[in-house]
Every structure is written in structure tokens, then in C-alpha cells.
PDB file of N, CA and C in Angstrom:
ATOM      1  N   MET A   1       5.306  -9.356  18.395  1.00  0.00           N
ATOM      2  CA  MET A   1       5.897  -8.485  19.523  1.00  0.00           C
ATOM      3  C   MET A   1       7.163  -9.299  20.028  1.00  0.00           C
ATOM      4  N   ALA A   2       8.062  -8.346  20.230  1.00  0.00           N
ATOM      5  CA  ALA A   2       9.477  -8.716  20.764  1.00  0.00           C
ATOM      6  C   ALA A   2       9.465  -8.537  22.223  1.00  0.00           C
ATOM      7  N   LEU A   3      10.015  -9.342  23.048  1.00  0.00           N
ATOM      8  CA  LEU A   3      10.251  -9.336  24.314  1.00  0.00           C
ATOM      9  C   LEU A   3      11.888  -9.488  24.741  1.00  0.00           C
ATOM     10  N   ARG A   4      12.242  -8.768  25.639  1.00  0.00           N
ATOM     11  CA  ARG A   4      13.593  -8.815  26.064  1.00  0.00           C
ATOM     12  C   ARG A   4      13.495  -9.172  27.646  1.00  0.00           C
ATOM     13  N   TRP A   5      14.656 -10.044  27.993  1.00  0.00           N
ATOM     14  CA  TRP A   5      14.673 -10.376  29.383  1.00  0.00           C
ATOM     15  C   TRP A   5      15.452  -9.319  29.946  1.00  0.00           C
ATOM     16  N   ARG A   6      14.841  -8.501  31.075  1.00  0.00           N
ATOM     17  CA  ARG A   6      15.431  -7.359  31.649  1.00  0.00           C
ATOM     18  C   ARG A   6      15.031  -7.595  33.198  1.00  0.00           C
ATOM     19  N   ASP A   7      16.150  -7.619  33.886  1.00  0.00           N
ATOM     20  CA  ASP A   7      16.079  -7.493  35.546  1.00  0.00           C
ATOM     21  C   ASP A   7      15.084  -8.585  35.986  1.00  0.00           C
ATOM     22  N   GLY A   8      15.417  -9.904  35.361  1.00  0.00           N
ATOM     23  CA  GLY A   8      14.534 -11.035  35.708  1.00  0.00           C
ATOM     24  C   GLY A   8      13.021 -11.132  35.232  1.00  0.00           C
ATOM     25  N   VAL A   9      12.626 -10.269  34.245  1.00  0.00           N
ATOM     26  CA  VAL A   9      11.351 -10.279  33.869  1.00  0.00           C
ATOM     27  C   VAL A   9      11.313 -10.082  32.196  1.00  0.00           C
ATOM     28  N   PHE A  10      10.362 -10.522  31.474  1.00  0.00           N
ATOM     29  CA  PHE A  10      10.383 -10.129  30.119  1.00  0.00           C
ATOM     30  C   PHE A  10       9.674  -8.652  30.002  1.00  0.00           C
ATOM     31  N   VAL A  11      10.114  -7.984  29.062  1.00  0.00           N
ATOM     32  CA  VAL A  11       9.459  -6.677  28.832  1.00  0.00           C
ATOM     33  C   VAL A  11       9.498  -6.493  27.494  1.00  0.00           C
ATOM     34  N   LEU A  12       8.474  -5.609  27.034  1.00  0.00           N
ATOM     35  CA  LEU A  12       8.087  -5.397  25.609  1.00  0.00           C
ATOM     36  C   LEU A  12       9.335  -4.641  25.031  1.00  0.00           C
ATOM     37  N   ASP A  13       9.942  -4.926  24.041  1.00  0.00           N
ATOM     38  CA  ASP A  13      10.960  -4.400  23.512  1.00  0.00           C
ATOM     39  C   ASP A  13      10.385  -3.240  22.389  1.00  0.00           C
ATOM     40  N   SER A  14      10.276  -2.046  23.093  1.00  0.00           N
ATOM     41  CA  SER A  14       9.802  -0.838  22.202  1.00  0.00           C
ATOM     42  C   SER A  14      10.662  -0.464  21.118  1.00  0.00           C
ATOM     43  N   ALA A  15      11.885  -0.752  21.088  1.00  0.00           N
ATOM     44  CA  ALA A  15      12.690  -0.301  19.957  1.00  0.00           C
ATOM     45  C   ALA A  15      12.375  -1.083  18.871  1.00  0.00           C
ATOM     46  N   THR A  16      11.933  -2.253  18.879  1.00  0.00           N
ATOM     47  CA  THR A  16      11.515  -3.156  17.850  1.00  0.00           C
ATOM     48  C   THR A  16      10.271  -2.671  17.240  1.00  0.00           C
ATOM     49  N   ASP A  17       9.249  -2.054  18.282  1.00  0.00           N
ATOM     50  CA  ASP A  17       8.070  -1.638  17.654  1.00  0.00           C
ATOM     51  C   ASP A  17       8.217  -0.412  16.989  1.00  0.00           C
ATOM     52  N   ALA A  18       9.206   0.314  17.358  1.00  0.00           N
ATOM     53  CA  ALA A  18       9.373   1.851  16.759  1.00  0.00           C
ATOM     54  C   ALA A  18      10.116   1.450  15.321  1.00  0.00           C
ATOM     55  N   ASN A  19      11.158   0.354  15.362  1.00  0.00           N
ATOM     56  CA  ASN A  19      11.681   0.193  14.068  1.00  0.00           C
ATOM     57  C   ASN A  19      10.631  -0.397  13.115  1.00  0.00           C
ATOM     58  N   GLN A  20       9.537  -1.167  13.502  1.00  0.00           N
ATOM     59  CA  GLN A  20       8.725  -1.650  12.637  1.00  0.00           C
ATOM     60  C   GLN A  20       7.783  -0.577  12.173  1.00  0.00           C
ATOM     61  N   ALA A  21       7.398   0.423  12.984  1.00  0.00           N
ATOM     62  CA  ALA A  21       6.498   1.571  12.615  1.00  0.00           C
ATOM     63  C   ALA A  21       7.386   2.343  11.602  1.00  0.00           C
ATOM     64  N   GLN A  22       8.664   2.581  11.578  1.00  0.00           N
ATOM     65  CA  GLN A  22       9.445   3.283  10.621  1.00  0.00           C
ATOM     66  C   GLN A  22       9.387   2.487   9.478  1.00  0.00           C
ATOM     67  N   ALA A  23       9.525   1.246   9.485  1.00  0.00           N
ATOM     68  CA  ALA A  23       9.641   0.406   8.177  1.00  0.00           C
ATOM     69  C   ALA A  23       8.141   0.411   7.393  1.00  0.00           C
ATOM     70  N   ASN A  24       7.179   0.373   8.429  1.00  0.00           N
ATOM     71  CA  ASN A  24       5.685   0.408   7.755  1.00  0.00           C
ATOM     72  C   ASN A  24       5.598   1.713   6.984  1.00  0.00           C
ATOM     73  N   ALA A  25       6.082   2.977   7.493  1.00  0.00           N
ATOM     74  CA  ALA A  25       5.922   4.240   7.067  1.00  0.00           C
ATOM     75  C   ALA A  25       6.685   4.262   5.781  1.00  0.00           C
ATOM     76  N   ALA A  26       7.894   3.825   5.724  1.00  0.00           N
ATOM     77  CA  ALA A  26       8.626   3.823   4.427  1.00  0.00           C
ATOM     78  C   ALA A  26       8.109   3.011   3.416  1.00  0.00           C
ATOM     79  N   ASP A  27       7.472   1.794   3.708  1.00  0.00           N
ATOM     80  CA  ASP A  27       6.762   1.046   2.773  1.00  0.00           C
ATOM     81  C   ASP A  27       5.666   1.720   2.088  1.00  0.00           C
ATOM     82  N   GLU A  28       4.843   2.386   3.027  1.00  0.00           N
ATOM     83  CA  GLU A  28       3.752   3.175   2.517  1.00  0.00           C
ATOM     84  C   GLU A  28       4.090   4.294   1.703  1.00  0.00           C
ATOM     85  N   ARG A  29       5.197   5.152   2.019  1.00  0.00           N
ATOM     86  CA  ARG A  29       5.626   5.990   1.037  1.00  0.00           C
ATOM     87  C   ARG A  29       6.241   5.509  -0.171  1.00  0.00           C
ATOM     88  N   ALA A  30       6.834   4.373  -0.163  1.00  0.00           N
ATOM     89  CA  ALA A  30       7.195   3.807  -1.414  1.00  0.00           C
ATOM     90  C   ALA A  30       6.015   3.434  -2.191  1.00  0.00           C
ATOM     91  N   PHE A  31       5.027   2.890  -1.720  1.00  0.00           N
ATOM     92  CA  PHE A  31       3.731   2.294  -2.376  1.00  0.00           C
ATOM     93  C   PHE A  31       3.092   3.628  -3.044  1.00  0.00           C
ATOM     94  N   LEU A  32       3.016   4.897  -2.225  1.00  0.00           N
ATOM     95  CA  LEU A  32       2.317   6.139  -2.632  1.00  0.00           C
ATOM     96  C   LEU A  32       3.127   6.774  -3.786  1.00  0.00           C
ATOM     97  N   SER A  33       4.473   6.616  -3.685  1.00  0.00           N
ATOM     98  CA  SER A  33       5.230   7.217  -4.688  1.00  0.00           C
ATOM     99  C   SER A  33       5.167   6.358  -6.049  1.00  0.00           C
ATOM    100  N   ALA A  34       5.094   5.191  -5.995  1.00  0.00           N
ATOM    101  CA  ALA A  34       5.013   4.307  -7.236  1.00  0.00           C
ATOM    102  C   ALA A  34       3.533   4.596  -7.859  1.00  0.00           C
ATOM    103  N   LEU A  35       2.536   4.553  -6.943  1.00  0.00           N
ATOM    104  CA  LEU A  35       1.261   4.941  -7.201  1.00  0.00           C
ATOM    105  C   LEU A  35       1.266   6.142  -8.029  1.00  0.00           C
ATOM    106  N   ALA A  36       1.838   7.154  -7.412  1.00  0.00           N
ATOM    107  CA  ALA A  36       1.916   8.454  -8.393  1.00  0.00           C
ATOM    108  C   ALA A  36       2.597   8.585  -9.656  1.00  0.00           C
ATOM    109  N   GLU A  37       3.606   7.659  -9.603  1.00  0.00           N
ATOM    110  CA  GLU A  37       4.350   7.455 -11.068  1.00  0.00           C
ATOM    111  C   GLU A  37       3.312   6.704 -11.859  1.00  0.00           C
ATOM    112  N   PHE A  38       2.758   5.836 -11.409  1.00  0.00           N
ATOM    113  CA  PHE A  38       1.977   5.057 -12.312  1.00  0.00           C
ATOM    114  C   PHE A  38       0.860   5.885 -12.904  1.00  0.00           C
ATOM    115  N   ALA A  39       0.272   6.602 -11.922  1.00  0.00           N
ATOM    116  CA  ALA A  39      -0.950   7.585 -12.313  1.00  0.00           C
ATOM    117  C   ALA A  39      -0.616   8.521 -13.413  1.00  0.00           C
ATOM    118  N   ALA A  40       0.758   9.202 -13.222  1.00  0.00           N
ATOM    119  CA  ALA A  40       1.247  10.072 -14.053  1.00  0.00           C
ATOM    120  C   ALA A  40       1.266   9.685 -15.457  1.00  0.00           C
ATOM    121  N   THR A  41       1.535   8.372 -15.649  1.00  0.00           N
ATOM    122  CA  THR A  41       1.871   7.706 -16.855  1.00  0.00           C
ATOM    123  C   THR A  41       0.454   6.840 -17.429  1.00  0.00           C
ATOM    124  N   ASN A  42      -0.559   7.166 -16.810  1.00  0.00           N
ATOM    125  CA  ASN A  42      -1.853   6.668 -16.981  1.00  0.00           C
ATOM    126  C   ASN A  42      -1.797   5.123 -17.012  1.00  0.00           C
ATOM    127  N   ARG A  43      -1.288   4.628 -16.012  1.00  0.00           N
ATOM    128  CA  ARG A  43      -1.152   3.139 -15.947  1.00  0.00           C
ATOM    129  C   ARG A  43      -1.964   2.657 -14.705  1.00  0.00           C
ATOM    130  N   PRO A  44      -3.318   2.291 -14.904  1.00  0.00           N
ATOM    131  CA  PRO A  44      -4.068   2.061 -13.797  1.00  0.00           C
ATOM    132  C   PRO A  44      -3.617   0.724 -13.104  1.00  0.00           C
ATOM    133  N   VAL A  45      -3.671   0.832 -11.730  1.00  0.00           N
ATOM    134  CA  VAL A  45      -3.510  -0.517 -10.890  1.00  0.00           C
ATOM    135  C   VAL A  45      -4.582  -1.055 -10.107  1.00  0.00           C
ATOM    136  N   SER A  46      -4.543  -2.117  -9.753  1.00  0.00           N
ATOM    137  CA  SER A  46      -5.743  -2.814  -9.040  1.00  0.00           C
ATOM    138  C   SER A  46      -5.273  -3.451  -7.688  1.00  0.00           C
ATOM    139  N   ASP A  47      -6.343  -3.586  -6.987  1.00  0.00           N
ATOM    140  CA  ASP A  47      -6.217  -4.031  -5.551  1.00  0.00           C
ATOM    141  C   ASP A  47      -6.332  -5.812  -5.573  1.00  0.00           C
ATOM    142  N   LYS A  48      -6.922  -6.170  -6.845  1.00  0.00           N
ATOM    143  CA  LYS A  48      -7.286  -7.537  -7.046  1.00  0.00           C
ATOM    144  C   LYS A  48      -5.839  -8.225  -7.788  1.00  0.00           C
ATOM    145  N   ARG A  49      -5.811  -9.529  -7.449  1.00  0.00           N
ATOM    146  CA  ARG A  49      -4.608 -10.312  -8.016  1.00  0.00           C
ATOM    147  C   ARG A  49      -4.898 -10.670  -9.671  1.00  0.00           C
ATOM    148  N   SER A  50      -4.149  -9.633 -10.445  1.00  0.00           N
ATOM    149  CA  SER A  50      -4.363  -9.781 -11.750  1.00  0.00           C
ATOM    150  C   SER A  50      -3.221  -9.241 -12.365  1.00  0.00           C
ATOM    151  N   ASN A  51      -3.158  -9.163 -13.652  1.00  0.00           N
ATOM    152  CA  ASN A  51      -1.910  -8.527 -14.421  1.00  0.00           C
ATOM    153  C   ASN A  51      -1.720  -7.203 -14.017  1.00  0.00           C
ATOM    154  N   VAL A  52      -2.535  -6.605 -13.384  1.00  0.00           N
ATOM    155  CA  VAL A  52      -2.260  -4.983 -12.943  1.00  0.00           C
ATOM    156  C   VAL A  52      -2.368  -4.973 -11.384  1.00  0.00           C
ATOM    157  N   PHE A  53      -2.115  -5.998 -10.694  1.00  0.00           N
ATOM    158  CA  PHE A  53      -2.098  -6.066  -9.194  1.00  0.00           C
ATOM    159  C   PHE A  53      -0.889  -5.187  -8.671  1.00  0.00           C
ATOM    160  N   ALA A  54      -1.401  -4.071  -7.931  1.00  0.00           N
ATOM    161  CA  ALA A  54      -0.333  -3.059  -7.681  1.00  0.00           C
ATOM    162  C   ALA A  54       0.885  -3.372  -6.860  1.00  0.00           C
ATOM    163  N   PRO A  55       0.858  -4.178  -6.010  1.00  0.00           N
ATOM    164  CA  PRO A  55       2.021  -4.770  -5.251  1.00  0.00           C
ATOM    165  C   PRO A  55       3.090  -5.420  -6.136  1.00  0.00           C
ATOM    166  N   THR A  56       2.529  -6.239  -7.057  1.00  0.00           N
ATOM    167  CA  THR A  56       3.420  -6.897  -7.957  1.00  0.00           C
ATOM    168  C   THR A  56       3.988  -5.999  -8.952  1.00  0.00           C
ATOM    169  N   LEU A  57       3.357  -4.996  -9.650  1.00  0.00           N
ATOM    170  CA  LEU A  57       3.905  -4.093 -10.424  1.00  0.00           C
ATOM    171  C   LEU A  57       4.851  -3.236  -9.702  1.00  0.00           C
ATOM    172  N   PHE A  58       4.587  -2.717  -8.681  1.00  0.00           N
ATOM    173  CA  PHE A  58       5.345  -1.597  -7.772  1.00  0.00           C
ATOM    174  C   PHE A  58       6.614  -2.334  -7.341  1.00  0.00           C
ATOM    175  N   ALA A  59       6.538  -3.645  -6.995  1.00  0.00           N
ATOM    176  CA  ALA A  59       7.819  -4.330  -6.674  1.00  0.00           C
ATOM    177  C   ALA A  59       8.681  -4.317  -7.838  1.00  0.00           C
ATOM    178  N   ASN A  60       8.268  -4.775  -8.951  1.00  0.00           N
ATOM    179  CA  ASN A  60       9.076  -4.631 -10.222  1.00  0.00           C
ATOM    180  C   ASN A  60       9.568  -3.225 -10.474  1.00  0.00           C
ATOM    181  N   HIS A  61       8.811  -2.349 -10.158  1.00  0.00           N
ATOM    182  CA  HIS A  61       9.032  -1.010 -10.625  1.00  0.00           C
ATOM    183  C   HIS A  61      10.182  -0.500  -9.499  1.00  0.00           C
ATOM    184  N   LEU A  62      10.083  -0.879  -8.353  1.00  0.00           N
ATOM    185  CA  LEU A  62      10.992  -0.425  -7.345  1.00  0.00           C
ATOM    186  C   LEU A  62      12.337  -1.088  -7.555  1.00  0.00           C
ATOM    187  N   LYS A  63      12.218  -2.336  -7.786  1.00  0.00           N
ATOM    188  CA  LYS A  63      13.501  -3.228  -8.031  1.00  0.00           C
ATOM    189  C   LYS A  63      14.240  -2.585  -9.173  1.00  0.00           C
ATOM    190  N   ALA A  64      13.664  -2.121 -10.181  1.00  0.00           N
ATOM    191  CA  ALA A  64      14.464  -1.532 -11.321  1.00  0.00           C
ATOM    192  C   ALA A  64      15.055  -0.254 -11.018  1.00  0.00           C
ATOM    193  N   LYS A  65      14.438   0.393  -9.933  1.00  0.00           N
ATOM    194  CA  LYS A  65      15.114   1.725  -9.470  1.00  0.00           C
ATOM    195  C   LYS A  65      15.938   1.473  -8.215  1.00  0.00           C
ATOM    196  N   ASP A  66      16.451   0.389  -7.954  1.00  0.00           N
ATOM    197  CA  ASP A  66      17.392  -0.260  -6.817  1.00  0.00           C
ATOM    198  C   ASP A  66      16.690   0.164  -5.450  1.00  0.00           C
ATOM    199  N   GLN A  67      15.367   0.006  -5.400  1.00  0.00           N
ATOM    200  CA  GLN A  67      14.573   0.245  -4.099  1.00  0.00           C
ATOM    201  C   GLN A  67      13.795  -1.026  -3.879  1.00  0.00           C
ATOM    202  N   PRO A  68      14.500  -2.183  -3.830  1.00  0.00           N
ATOM    203  CA  PRO A  68      13.554  -3.303  -3.773  1.00  0.00           C
ATOM    204  C   PRO A  68      12.723  -3.399  -2.606  1.00  0.00           C
ATOM    205  N   LEU A  69      11.634  -3.991  -2.816  1.00  0.00           N
ATOM    206  CA  LEU A  69      10.638  -4.174  -1.633  1.00  0.00           C
ATOM    207  C   LEU A  69       9.992  -5.424  -2.160  1.00  0.00           C
ATOM    208  N   SER A  70       9.326  -6.380  -1.266  1.00  0.00           N
ATOM    209  CA  SER A  70       8.750  -7.654  -1.683  1.00  0.00           C
ATOM    210  C   SER A  70       7.398  -7.180  -1.639  1.00  0.00           C
ATOM    211  N   VAL A  71       6.718  -8.092  -2.590  1.00  0.00           N
ATOM    212  CA  VAL A  71       5.200  -8.086  -2.805  1.00  0.00           C
ATOM    213  C   VAL A  71       4.505  -8.044  -1.517  1.00  0.00           C
ATOM    214  N   PRO A  72       4.688  -9.084  -0.655  1.00  0.00           N
ATOM    215  CA  PRO A  72       3.965  -9.150   0.498  1.00  0.00           C
ATOM    216  C   PRO A  72       4.013  -7.659   1.364  1.00  0.00           C
ATOM    217  N   ARG A  73       5.304  -7.209   1.390  1.00  0.00           N
ATOM    218  CA  ARG A  73       5.525  -5.974   2.192  1.00  0.00           C
ATOM    219  C   ARG A  73       4.536  -4.736   1.456  1.00  0.00           C
ATOM    220  N   LEU A  74       4.454  -4.732   0.122  1.00  0.00           N
ATOM    221  CA  LEU A  74       3.593  -3.737  -0.524  1.00  0.00           C
ATOM    222  C   LEU A  74       2.314  -4.083  -0.345  1.00  0.00           C
ATOM    223  N   GLU A  75       1.857  -5.216  -0.306  1.00  0.00           N
ATOM    224  CA  GLU A  75       0.574  -5.612  -0.117  1.00  0.00           C
ATOM    225  C   GLU A  75       0.066  -5.171   1.352  1.00  0.00           C
ATOM    226  N   ALA A  76       0.818  -5.382   2.434  1.00  0.00           N
ATOM    227  CA  ALA A  76       0.441  -5.103   3.556  1.00  0.00           C
ATOM    228  C   ALA A  76       0.359  -3.558   3.606  1.00  0.00           C
ATOM    229  N   ALA A  77       1.383  -2.869   3.037  1.00  0.00           N
ATOM    230  CA  ALA A  77       1.326  -1.239   2.941  1.00  0.00           C
ATOM    231  C   ALA A  77       0.036  -0.831   2.144  1.00  0.00           C
ATOM    232  N   MET A  78      -0.461  -1.612   1.222  1.00  0.00           N
ATOM    233  CA  MET A  78      -1.678  -1.152   0.481  1.00  0.00           C
ATOM    234  C   MET A  78      -2.747  -1.228   1.565  1.00  0.00           C
ATOM    235  N   GLN A  79      -2.842  -2.466   2.159  1.00  0.00           N
ATOM    236  CA  GLN A  79      -3.998  -2.785   3.139  1.00  0.00           C
ATOM    237  C   GLN A  79      -4.135  -1.599   4.181  1.00  0.00           C
ATOM    238  N   ARG A  80      -2.808  -1.232   4.735  1.00  0.00           N
ATOM    239  CA  ARG A  80      -2.857  -0.090   5.666  1.00  0.00           C
ATOM    240  C   ARG A  80      -3.289   1.126   5.180  1.00  0.00           C
ATOM    241  N   LEU A  81      -2.831   1.470   3.956  1.00  0.00           N
ATOM    242  CA  LEU A  81      -3.276   2.739   3.179  1.00  0.00           C
ATOM    243  C   LEU A  81      -4.715   2.775   2.964  1.00  0.00           C
ATOM    244  N   PHE A  82      -5.370   1.620   2.551  1.00  0.00           N
ATOM    245  CA  PHE A  82      -6.885   1.595   2.449  1.00  0.00           C
ATOM    246  C   PHE A  82      -7.426   1.702   3.925  1.00  0.00           C
ATOM    247  N   ALA A  83      -6.881   1.131   4.840  1.00  0.00           N
ATOM    248  CA  ALA A  83      -7.481   1.302   6.208  1.00  0.00           C
ATOM    249  C   ALA A  83      -7.298   2.728   6.889  1.00  0.00           C
ATOM    250  N   ALA A  84      -6.347   3.316   6.378  1.00  0.00           N
ATOM    251  CA  ALA A  84      -6.250   4.768   6.812  1.00  0.00           C
ATOM    252  C   ALA A  84      -6.968   5.707   5.818  1.00  0.00           C
ATOM    253  N   ARG A  85      -7.614   5.258   4.712  1.00  0.00           N
ATOM    254  CA  ARG A  85      -8.245   6.020   3.723  1.00  0.00           C
ATOM    255  C   ARG A  85      -7.376   7.138   3.067  1.00  0.00           C
ATOM    256  N   ARG A  86      -6.020   6.693   2.999  1.00  0.00           N
ATOM    257  CA  ARG A  86      -5.171   7.427   2.088  1.00  0.00           C
ATOM    258  C   ARG A  86      -5.153   7.174   0.661  1.00  0.00           C
ATOM    259  N   ILE A  87      -5.986   5.821   0.441  1.00  0.00           N
ATOM    260  CA  ILE A  87      -6.010   5.455  -1.006  1.00  0.00           C
ATOM    261  C   ILE A  87      -7.466   4.804  -1.194  1.00  0.00           C
ATOM    262  N   HIS A  88      -7.998   4.717  -2.186  1.00  0.00           N
ATOM    263  CA  HIS A  88      -9.267   4.143  -2.473  1.00  0.00           C
ATOM    264  C   HIS A  88      -9.534   3.665  -3.826  1.00  0.00           C
ATOM    265  N   LEU A  89     -10.635   3.052  -4.156  1.00  0.00           N
ATOM    266  CA  LEU A  89     -10.910   2.512  -5.404  1.00  0.00           C
ATOM    267  C   LEU A  89     -11.780   3.643  -6.241  1.00  0.00           C
ATOM    268  N   GLU A  90     -11.459   3.587  -7.429  1.00  0.00           N
ATOM    269  CA  GLU A  90     -12.356   4.638  -8.135  1.00  0.00           C
ATOM    270  C   GLU A  90     -12.808   3.827  -9.482  1.00  0.00           C
ATOM    271  N   SER A  91     -14.138   3.992  -9.811  1.00  0.00           N
ATOM    272  CA  SER A  91     -14.655   3.131 -10.914  1.00  0.00           C
ATOM    273  C   SER A  91     -14.576   4.064 -12.119  1.00  0.00           C
ATOM    274  N   SER A  92     -14.325   3.443 -13.202  1.00  0.00           N
ATOM    275  CA  SER A  92     -14.400   4.215 -14.668  1.00  0.00           C
ATOM    276  C   SER A  92     -14.977   3.291 -15.695  1.00  0.00           C
ATOM    277  N   GLY A  93     -15.280   3.842 -16.809  1.00  0.00           N
ATOM    278  CA  GLY A  93     -15.694   3.091 -17.805  1.00  0.00           C
ATOM    279  C   GLY A  93     -17.192   3.065 -17.950  1.00  0.00           C
ATOM    280  N   PRO A  94     -17.863   2.402 -19.081  1.00  0.00           N
ATOM    281  CA  PRO A  94     -19.212   2.305 -19.272  1.00  0.00           C
ATOM    282  C   PRO A  94     -19.934   1.382 -18.203  1.00  0.00           C
ATOM    283  N   PRO A  95     -21.206   1.594 -17.828  1.00  0.00           N
ATOM    284  CA  PRO A  95     -21.815   0.971 -16.878  1.00  0.00           C
ATOM    285  C   PRO A  95     -21.655  -0.617 -17.149  1.00  0.00           C
ATOM    286  N   SER A  96     -21.697  -1.178 -18.454  1.00  0.00           N
ATOM    287  CA  SER A  96     -21.590  -2.421 -18.693  1.00  0.00           C
ATOM    288  C   SER A  96     -20.272  -3.180 -18.524  1.00  0.00           C
ATOM    289  N   ARG A  97     -19.178  -2.174 -18.310  1.00  0.00           N
ATOM    290  CA  ARG A  97     -17.801  -2.615 -18.345  1.00  0.00           C
ATOM    291  C   ARG A  97     -17.026  -1.706 -17.240  1.00  0.00           C
ATOM    292  N   GLN A  98     -17.614  -1.646 -16.240  1.00  0.00           N
ATOM    293  CA  GLN A  98     -17.061  -0.931 -15.039  1.00  0.00           C
ATOM    294  C   GLN A  98     -15.671  -1.584 -14.709  1.00  0.00           C
ATOM    295  N   ARG A  99     -14.648  -0.708 -14.471  1.00  0.00           N
ATOM    296  CA  ARG A  99     -13.360  -1.101 -13.856  1.00  0.00           C
ATOM    297  C   ARG A  99     -12.970  -0.239 -12.777  1.00  0.00           C
ATOM    298  N   GLN A 100     -12.237  -0.807 -11.738  1.00  0.00           N
ATOM    299  CA  GLN A 100     -11.940  -0.074 -10.686  1.00  0.00           C
ATOM    300  C   GLN A 100     -10.255  -0.034 -10.613  1.00  0.00           C
ATOM    301  N   ARG A 101      -9.873   1.183 -10.232  1.00  0.00           N
ATOM    302  CA  ARG A 101      -8.459   1.447  -9.984  1.00  0.00           C
ATOM    303  C   ARG A 101      -8.071   2.017  -8.681  1.00  0.00           C
ATOM    304  N   ILE A 102      -6.900   1.828  -8.273  1.00  0.00           N
ATOM    305  CA  ILE A 102      -6.426   2.483  -7.072  1.00  0.00           C
ATOM    306  C   ILE A 102      -6.102   3.851  -7.314  1.00  0.00           C
ATOM    307  N   VAL A 103      -6.574   4.750  -6.435  1.00  0.00           N
ATOM    308  CA  VAL A 103      -6.112   6.305  -6.657  1.00  0.00           C
ATOM    309  C   VAL A 103      -5.753   6.669  -5.144  1.00  0.00           C
ATOM    310  N   ALA A 104      -4.984   7.702  -4.991  1.00  0.00           N
ATOM    311  CA  ALA A 104      -4.566   8.324  -3.736  1.00  0.00           C
ATOM    312  C   ALA A 104      -5.711   9.192  -3.234  1.00  0.00           C
ATOM    313  N   GLY A 105      -5.822   9.356  -2.057  1.00  0.00           N
ATOM    314  CA  GLY A 105      -6.620  10.438  -1.489  1.00  0.00           C
ATOM    315  C   GLY A 105      -7.863   9.640  -0.911  1.00  0.00           C
ATOM    316  N   THR A 106      -8.795  10.521  -0.481  1.00  0.00           N
ATOM    317  CA  THR A 106     -10.187   9.954   0.140  1.00  0.00           C
ATOM    318  C   THR A 106     -11.037   9.854  -1.013  1.00  0.00           C
ATOM    319  N   PRO A 107     -12.176   9.039  -1.001  1.00  0.00           N
ATOM    320  CA  PRO A 107     -13.201   9.143  -2.159  1.00  0.00           C
ATOM    321  C   PRO A 107     -13.793  10.435  -2.144  1.00  0.00           C
ATOM    322  N   ALA A 108     -14.235  10.725  -3.401  1.00  0.00           N
ATOM    323  CA  ALA A 108     -15.100  11.917  -3.520  1.00  0.00           C
ATOM    324  C   ALA A 108     -16.515  11.698  -2.851  1.00  0.00           C
ATOM    325  N   ALA A 109     -17.111  12.815  -2.614  1.00  0.00           N
ATOM    326  CA  ALA A 109     -18.522  12.592  -2.117  1.00  0.00           C
ATOM    327  C   ALA A 109     -19.447  12.247  -3.074  1.00  0.00           C
ATOM    328  N   SER A 110     -19.205  12.066  -4.274  1.00  0.00           N
ATOM    329  CA  SER A 110     -20.133  11.577  -5.269  1.00  0.00           C
ATOM    330  C   SER A 110     -20.691  10.215  -5.264  1.00  0.00           C
ATOM    331  N   GLY A 111     -20.112   9.551  -4.257  1.00  0.00           N
ATOM    332  CA  GLY A 111     -20.740   8.079  -3.979  1.00  0.00           C
ATOM    333  C   GLY A 111     -19.920   7.210  -4.358  1.00  0.00           C
ATOM    334  N   THR A 112     -18.698   7.397  -4.692  1.00  0.00           N
ATOM    335  CA  THR A 112     -17.572   6.663  -5.006  1.00  0.00           C
ATOM    336  C   THR A 112     -17.111   5.914  -3.565  1.00  0.00           C
ATOM    337  N   GLU A 113     -17.242   4.495  -3.525  1.00  0.00           N
ATOM    338  CA  GLU A 113     -16.953   4.039  -2.372  1.00  0.00           C
ATOM    339  C   GLU A 113     -15.506   3.341  -2.324  1.00  0.00           C
ATOM    340  N   GLY A 114     -14.661   3.597  -1.268  1.00  0.00           N
ATOM    341  CA  GLY A 114     -13.521   3.011  -0.998  1.00  0.00           C
ATOM    342  C   GLY A 114     -13.614   1.596  -0.682  1.00  0.00           C
ATOM    343  N   ALA A 115     -12.635   0.782  -0.764  1.00  0.00           N
ATOM    344  CA  ALA A 115     -12.638  -0.730  -0.480  1.00  0.00           C
ATOM    345  C   ALA A 115     -11.903  -0.932   0.575  1.00  0.00           C
ATOM    346  N   GLN A 116     -12.020  -2.139   1.118  1.00  0.00           N
ATOM    347  CA  GLN A 116     -11.308  -2.727   2.274  1.00  0.00           C
ATOM    348  C   GLN A 116     -11.688  -1.988   3.743  1.00  0.00           C
TER     349      GLN A 116
END
């Protein structure tokens, strides 16, 4: 929270809150855009820290497109998108070797559970 000294008292700086909300929305749009590009080229990404960790891959991808975003900002965007149910995890593969990947949208009614 940002406070400003105004008329002898501290008041909440709502402009800072609005700027943060705009920055968060831009980060989420960038995350979803990168997710769509990766899905279109059949490159699954994960919410787990691994060689397919979405925030790391997306940060490198966006940097190459001259739209740099840090891994922590993309990770925070991912968490907000999970919480808003705008992305979820989808399982694939045989039962003995299930893998999960991040996909856009809400989980299907077939019992696939979203994470986070």
C-alpha cells in the first residue's frame, strides 16, 4: 500500500493501486498470450518448477519479442489466473505416466481438477 501525506494526514494513494491493477492486468494478458502461442505449437507448460516451468519459458519468449517481463511477475500472474479460474491444469498420458499441463479456460465438467 502506498500512502501520501495530504492535509496533515496520511491517505491511501489510489493512483498507485490503479497503476498496480493495470500492471497486473497487462502481466496476465502477456501470460495468456504466451500460453496461447505455446499451445498452438504443441509445447506444454507446467506450474511446477522444471524445464517446462511456464513463467521461465514465457519470460524468455517475451524477452525475444522485446516484451520483457520477469519470472516473478509472470509467476504472480499465473497464480492470479489460477485463482480467477482463467487457467487450469489438464492431465494427459497413460494412467501410469500422467502429466499435467496448463491450459486456458475453466476445467471441463469431466472431473479434471484445476490447481491452486
